[in-house]
């Protein structure tokens, strides 16, 4: 596996004894606002790079995205940071050549990076310890599961005069329904309780137990074969834009393959022998 280049404003913390990779936004003084975006060392680019590294690491089973301090991720840092200002060569920024060049860069840079979170093979969890605004909201929505607390807040791009983008327009109506999604779009703000009631948060717990709840979830998922989790995820995400017949073909094909996998054999043996299974992801 290629050596991973880390940055101080995004932490990469594998915890092999639990199978959890913790990816933590680390700009707490600014509620974990992103440093840069799709540039080589920008926060968004690094989130994708870290997730791919975790996806490729056989000792990692789950990827948890969270923030240090009071915020999850407050979106882009419009003021930049010392040594990391917009246009700084450290981030690889360059001037945009007109509106179409800007649009292309946005579509194939920022939007693609956030969209790629959807395609990570392993289960992804957003542990939402605080505000998720703009990019932060988009990245949380792209994860498989969202656990929140009383400090969780979702804020759109309206505060900078922009629409919901980067996959948010796709996911919000599917999670909450069109009426609720539009209400959020029209107001730009959603608190934790309503996000839970609307199905955007899987679970709402007190902030002091949030990490314990996420750890308990991962411990529970650890008992299932990883290859089964991966294929369930792939099938369900594809089924969202499909129909019953196509989904039946997807699941039938996958079930036949899974039946002969080593993990499936181990699951059946462990069940019969009344012991904990040991899975290998094959």
Foldseek 3Di string as FASTA:
>chain_A
DDDDDDDPQWDWDQDLVLLETEIEGRPVVVLSEWQAAQFCHTPLNNVLVSLVVSLPDLSHAEYEQAYPDQHGYAYHPQQHDVQRGAVRVVRPHDDADDDVSVVVCCVVGRLVSLLCLLVRQHAYEYLGRAEQEDSRLSNRLSGPAYEYEQRYKYFYCVVVPDFHDSCLVVRPCVQQNDVVSVVCRVVRIDGDVVCVVRRVHVYYDHSVCSVVVVSVVSNVVVQAASLVSRLVSVLVVVCVPHDDVVSVVSVVVVVVVVCPDPRNVQNVVCVVVVHGGDYRND
